[in-house]
Amino acid sequence: WRLMLGIGAGGVYPLMAVIARESVQRDSNEMSSTIAVTTVFSMQGWGYFLSPLTMLFLLQFPSLYTSNDGPSDSLWRVHLGVGAIPLAIV
C-alpha cells in the first residue's frame, strides 16, 4: 500500500502545477499564473512543517498505535487521514 501511496503522491506533484496554471483565467496576464503556481508550491513548506508536528501530537495518544497484541501500524494511517482533512474541505 505504501508503494501505491508513493506513486500516487508522486503523480500529484506535477499535476498541481498544471492545474494551477490552467485554473488562471485565459485573459489574465502571465504574472497571475506565475503567482498561482508559486502559491501552490509554497504550500509544500507548510506541509513539511506541520507533518512532524501532527505526528508528535498523535504520539501523545498511545491507544492509536498500540493494541493488546502489541504495537500496530495504525499510527501512520491515522496520520495520513489527518493530512487528508484539508483535501476533504476543499
N, C-alpha and C. Protein backbone atom coordinates (compact mmCIF):
# COMPACT_ATOMS: atom_id res chain seq x y z
N TRP A 1 0.82 -1.20 0.00
CA TRP A 1 0.00 0.00 0.00
C TRP A 1 0.86 1.25 0.00
N ARG A 2 1.97 1.19 0.67
CA ARG A 2 2.82 2.38 0.73
C ARG A 2 3.42 2.70 -0.63
N LEU A 3 3.72 1.68 -1.42
CA LEU A 3 4.23 1.91 -2.76
C LEU A 3 3.19 2.63 -3.61
N MET A 4 1.95 2.18 -3.52
CA MET A 4 0.87 2.82 -4.29
C MET A 4 0.66 4.25 -3.82
N LEU A 5 0.76 4.47 -2.53
CA LEU A 5 0.63 5.83 -1.99
C LEU A 5 1.76 6.72 -2.51
N GLY A 6 2.97 6.19 -2.55
CA GLY A 6 4.10 6.97 -3.06
C GLY A 6 3.97 7.29 -4.53
N ILE A 7 3.48 6.33 -5.31
CA ILE A 7 3.28 6.59 -6.74
C ILE A 7 2.19 7.62 -6.94
N GLY A 8 1.12 7.52 -6.16
CA GLY A 8 0.02 8.49 -6.27
C GLY A 8 0.46 9.89 -5.88
N ALA A 9 1.20 9.99 -4.79
CA ALA A 9 1.68 11.30 -4.35
C ALA A 9 2.68 11.87 -5.34
N GLY A 10 3.50 11.02 -5.93
CA GLY A 10 4.45 11.49 -6.93
C GLY A 10 3.76 11.97 -8.20
N GLY A 11 2.62 11.40 -8.51
CA GLY A 11 1.88 11.83 -9.69
C GLY A 11 1.14 13.14 -9.47
N VAL A 12 0.77 13.39 -8.23
CA VAL A 12 0.04 14.62 -7.92
C VAL A 12 0.96 15.83 -8.01
N TYR A 13 2.22 15.64 -7.70
CA TYR A 13 3.16 16.77 -7.67
C TYR A 13 3.22 17.54 -8.99
N PRO A 14 3.47 16.91 -10.14
CA PRO A 14 3.50 17.69 -11.38
C PRO A 14 2.11 18.14 -11.83
N LEU A 15 1.09 17.39 -11.46
CA LEU A 15 -0.26 17.78 -11.87
C LEU A 15 -0.71 19.07 -11.21
N MET A 16 -0.25 19.33 -10.01
CA MET A 16 -0.67 20.55 -9.31
C MET A 16 -0.19 21.80 -10.03
N ALA A 17 0.99 21.75 -10.60
CA ALA A 17 1.49 22.90 -11.35
C ALA A 17 0.63 23.15 -12.58
N VAL A 18 0.25 22.08 -13.25
CA VAL A 18 -0.58 22.21 -14.45
C VAL A 18 -1.97 22.74 -14.08
N ILE A 19 -2.55 22.20 -13.03
CA ILE A 19 -3.89 22.64 -12.60
C ILE A 19 -3.86 24.10 -12.18
N ALA A 20 -2.82 24.50 -11.44
CA ALA A 20 -2.73 25.90 -11.01
C ALA A 20 -2.56 26.82 -12.20
N ARG A 21 -1.77 26.41 -13.15
CA ARG A 21 -1.54 27.24 -14.34
C ARG A 21 -2.80 27.35 -15.19
N GLU A 22 -3.52 26.25 -15.36
CA GLU A 22 -4.70 26.28 -16.20
C GLU A 22 -5.92 26.88 -15.51
N SER A 23 -5.90 26.95 -14.19
CA SER A 23 -7.06 27.49 -13.48
C SER A 23 -7.12 29.01 -13.54
N VAL A 24 -6.00 29.65 -13.87
CA VAL A 24 -5.98 31.10 -14.02
C VAL A 24 -6.71 31.45 -15.32
N GLN A 25 -7.49 32.50 -15.27
CA GLN A 25 -8.28 32.88 -16.45
C GLN A 25 -7.38 33.13 -17.66
N ARG A 26 -7.92 32.81 -18.80
CA ARG A 26 -7.15 32.92 -20.05
C ARG A 26 -6.74 34.36 -20.37
N ASP A 27 -7.58 35.33 -20.03
CA ASP A 27 -7.27 36.71 -20.40
C ASP A 27 -6.40 37.43 -19.36
N SER A 28 -6.00 36.72 -18.29
CA SER A 28 -5.15 37.36 -17.30
C SER A 28 -3.70 37.38 -17.78
N ASN A 29 -2.89 38.14 -17.11
CA ASN A 29 -1.50 38.28 -17.55
C ASN A 29 -0.65 37.11 -17.04
N GLU A 30 0.55 37.06 -17.51
CA GLU A 30 1.47 35.97 -17.18
C GLU A 30 1.83 35.99 -15.69
N MET A 31 1.82 37.16 -15.08
CA MET A 31 2.22 37.27 -13.68
C MET A 31 1.23 36.54 -12.77
N SER A 32 -0.06 36.58 -13.05
CA SER A 32 -1.02 35.92 -12.18
C SER A 32 -0.90 34.40 -12.25
N SER A 33 -0.55 33.86 -13.41
CA SER A 33 -0.35 32.41 -13.47
C SER A 33 0.93 32.02 -12.74
N THR A 34 1.94 32.86 -12.80
CA THR A 34 3.17 32.61 -12.06
C THR A 34 2.91 32.64 -10.56
N ILE A 35 2.10 33.56 -10.11
CA ILE A 35 1.76 33.66 -8.69
C ILE A 35 0.96 32.43 -8.26
N ALA A 36 0.07 31.95 -9.10
CA ALA A 36 -0.72 30.76 -8.77
C ALA A 36 0.17 29.54 -8.59
N VAL A 37 1.10 29.33 -9.51
CA VAL A 37 2.00 28.18 -9.41
C VAL A 37 2.91 28.32 -8.20
N THR A 38 3.40 29.52 -7.95
CA THR A 38 4.26 29.76 -6.79
C THR A 38 3.52 29.50 -5.49
N THR A 39 2.27 29.90 -5.43
CA THR A 39 1.47 29.68 -4.22
C THR A 39 1.27 28.20 -3.97
N VAL A 40 0.99 27.45 -5.02
CA VAL A 40 0.79 26.00 -4.86
C VAL A 40 2.05 25.36 -4.28
N PHE A 41 3.19 25.67 -4.84
CA PHE A 41 4.42 25.03 -4.38
C PHE A 41 4.91 25.59 -3.04
N SER A 42 4.55 26.81 -2.69
CA SER A 42 4.95 27.33 -1.38
C SER A 42 4.18 26.67 -0.25
N MET A 43 3.03 26.11 -0.55
CA MET A 43 2.25 25.40 0.48
C MET A 43 2.92 24.10 0.89
N GLN A 44 3.81 23.58 0.09
CA GLN A 44 4.52 22.36 0.46
C GLN A 44 5.37 22.57 1.70
N GLY A 45 5.92 23.75 1.84
CA GLY A 45 6.70 24.06 3.03
C GLY A 45 5.86 23.95 4.29
N TRP A 46 4.63 24.41 4.23
CA TRP A 46 3.74 24.27 5.38
C TRP A 46 3.46 22.80 5.67
N GLY A 47 3.32 22.01 4.63
CA GLY A 47 3.11 20.58 4.83
C GLY A 47 4.31 19.91 5.50
N TYR A 48 5.52 20.29 5.05
CA TYR A 48 6.73 19.74 5.65
C TYR A 48 6.86 20.18 7.11
N PHE A 49 6.36 21.34 7.44
CA PHE A 49 6.43 21.85 8.80
C PHE A 49 5.38 21.21 9.70
N LEU A 50 4.16 21.09 9.19
CA LEU A 50 3.06 20.60 10.03
C LEU A 50 3.02 19.08 10.18
N SER A 51 3.59 18.36 9.24
CA SER A 51 3.54 16.90 9.32
C SER A 51 4.23 16.34 10.57
N PRO A 52 5.46 16.74 10.89
CA PRO A 52 6.05 16.22 12.13
C PRO A 52 5.33 16.70 13.38
N LEU A 53 4.80 17.91 13.33
CA LEU A 53 4.06 18.40 14.50
C LEU A 53 2.79 17.58 14.71
N THR A 54 2.14 17.21 13.63
CA THR A 54 0.96 16.36 13.73
C THR A 54 1.33 15.00 14.29
N MET A 55 2.43 14.43 13.84
CA MET A 55 2.86 13.13 14.36
C MET A 55 3.22 13.22 15.85
N LEU A 56 3.88 14.29 16.24
CA LEU A 56 4.19 14.46 17.66
C LEU A 56 2.91 14.56 18.49
N PHE A 57 1.91 15.22 17.96
CA PHE A 57 0.62 15.30 18.65
C PHE A 57 -0.03 13.93 18.76
N LEU A 58 -0.01 13.17 17.68
CA LEU A 58 -0.63 11.84 17.69
C LEU A 58 0.10 10.87 18.61
N LEU A 59 1.40 11.06 18.79
CA LEU A 59 2.16 10.19 19.68
C LEU A 59 1.75 10.36 21.14
N GLN A 60 1.03 11.42 21.45
CA GLN A 60 0.56 11.64 22.81
C GLN A 60 -0.60 10.70 23.17
N PHE A 61 -1.14 9.98 22.18
CA PHE A 61 -2.27 9.08 22.39
C PHE A 61 -1.85 7.65 22.06
N PRO A 62 -1.28 6.93 23.03
CA PRO A 62 -0.79 5.58 22.75
C PRO A 62 -1.88 4.61 22.29
N SER A 63 -3.11 4.88 22.57
CA SER A 63 -4.17 3.98 22.13
C SER A 63 -4.28 3.94 20.61
N LEU A 64 -3.75 4.95 19.93
CA LEU A 64 -3.79 4.96 18.47
C LEU A 64 -2.82 3.98 17.85
N TYR A 65 -1.72 3.69 18.54
CA TYR A 65 -0.69 2.88 17.91
C TYR A 65 -0.29 1.65 18.71
N THR A 66 -1.03 1.31 19.75
CA THR A 66 -0.80 0.06 20.45
C THR A 66 -2.11 -0.69 20.58
N SER A 67 -1.99 -1.97 20.70
CA SER A 67 -3.16 -2.82 20.90
C SER A 67 -2.80 -3.89 21.91
N ASN A 68 -3.74 -4.76 22.21
CA ASN A 68 -3.47 -5.83 23.16
C ASN A 68 -2.41 -6.80 22.65
N ASP A 69 -2.28 -6.90 21.33
CA ASP A 69 -1.30 -7.81 20.73
C ASP A 69 0.07 -7.17 20.56
N GLY A 70 0.21 -5.92 20.92
CA GLY A 70 1.48 -5.22 20.75
C GLY A 70 1.32 -4.03 19.82
N PRO A 71 2.45 -3.46 19.39
CA PRO A 71 2.36 -2.27 18.52
C PRO A 71 1.67 -2.60 17.20
N SER A 72 0.93 -1.65 16.72
CA SER A 72 0.26 -1.83 15.42
C SER A 72 0.77 -0.77 14.45
N ASP A 73 0.38 -0.91 13.21
CA ASP A 73 0.82 0.05 12.20
C ASP A 73 -0.28 1.05 11.88
N SER A 74 -1.19 1.25 12.80
CA SER A 74 -2.31 2.15 12.54
C SER A 74 -1.95 3.63 12.70
N LEU A 75 -0.84 3.92 13.37
CA LEU A 75 -0.50 5.32 13.61
C LEU A 75 -0.24 6.06 12.30
N TRP A 76 0.50 5.48 11.37
CA TRP A 76 0.76 6.17 10.11
C TRP A 76 -0.51 6.32 9.31
N ARG A 77 -1.47 5.40 9.47
CA ARG A 77 -2.74 5.53 8.76
C ARG A 77 -3.56 6.68 9.33
N VAL A 78 -3.55 6.84 10.64
CA VAL A 78 -4.24 7.97 11.25
C VAL A 78 -3.58 9.27 10.82
N HIS A 79 -2.25 9.28 10.79
CA HIS A 79 -1.51 10.47 10.37
C HIS A 79 -1.84 10.84 8.93
N LEU A 80 -1.92 9.85 8.07
CA LEU A 80 -2.29 10.08 6.68
C LEU A 80 -3.73 10.60 6.58
N GLY A 81 -4.62 10.06 7.40
CA GLY A 81 -6.01 10.52 7.41
C GLY A 81 -6.14 11.96 7.88
N VAL A 82 -5.34 12.35 8.87
CA VAL A 82 -5.36 13.74 9.33
C VAL A 82 -4.88 14.66 8.21
N GLY A 83 -3.90 14.21 7.45
CA GLY A 83 -3.42 15.01 6.33
C GLY A 83 -4.43 15.13 5.20
N ALA A 84 -5.39 14.23 5.14
CA ALA A 84 -6.40 14.27 4.10
C ALA A 84 -7.57 15.20 4.45
N ILE A 85 -7.63 15.67 5.68
CA ILE A 85 -8.74 16.54 6.09
C ILE A 85 -8.77 17.84 5.27
N PRO A 86 -7.65 18.55 5.08
CA PRO A 86 -7.73 19.76 4.25
C PRO A 86 -8.19 19.47 2.82
N LEU A 87 -7.79 18.34 2.28
CA LEU A 87 -8.23 17.96 0.94
C LEU A 87 -9.75 17.76 0.91
N ALA A 88 -10.27 17.15 1.95
CA ALA A 88 -11.72 16.92 2.01
C ALA A 88 -12.49 18.24 2.14
N ILE A 89 -11.89 19.21 2.82
CA ILE A 89 -12.56 20.51 2.98
C ILE A 89 -12.62 21.25 1.66
N VAL A 90 -11.55 21.18 0.88
CA VAL A 90 -11.50 21.87 -0.41
C VAL A 90 -12.37 21.14 -1.38
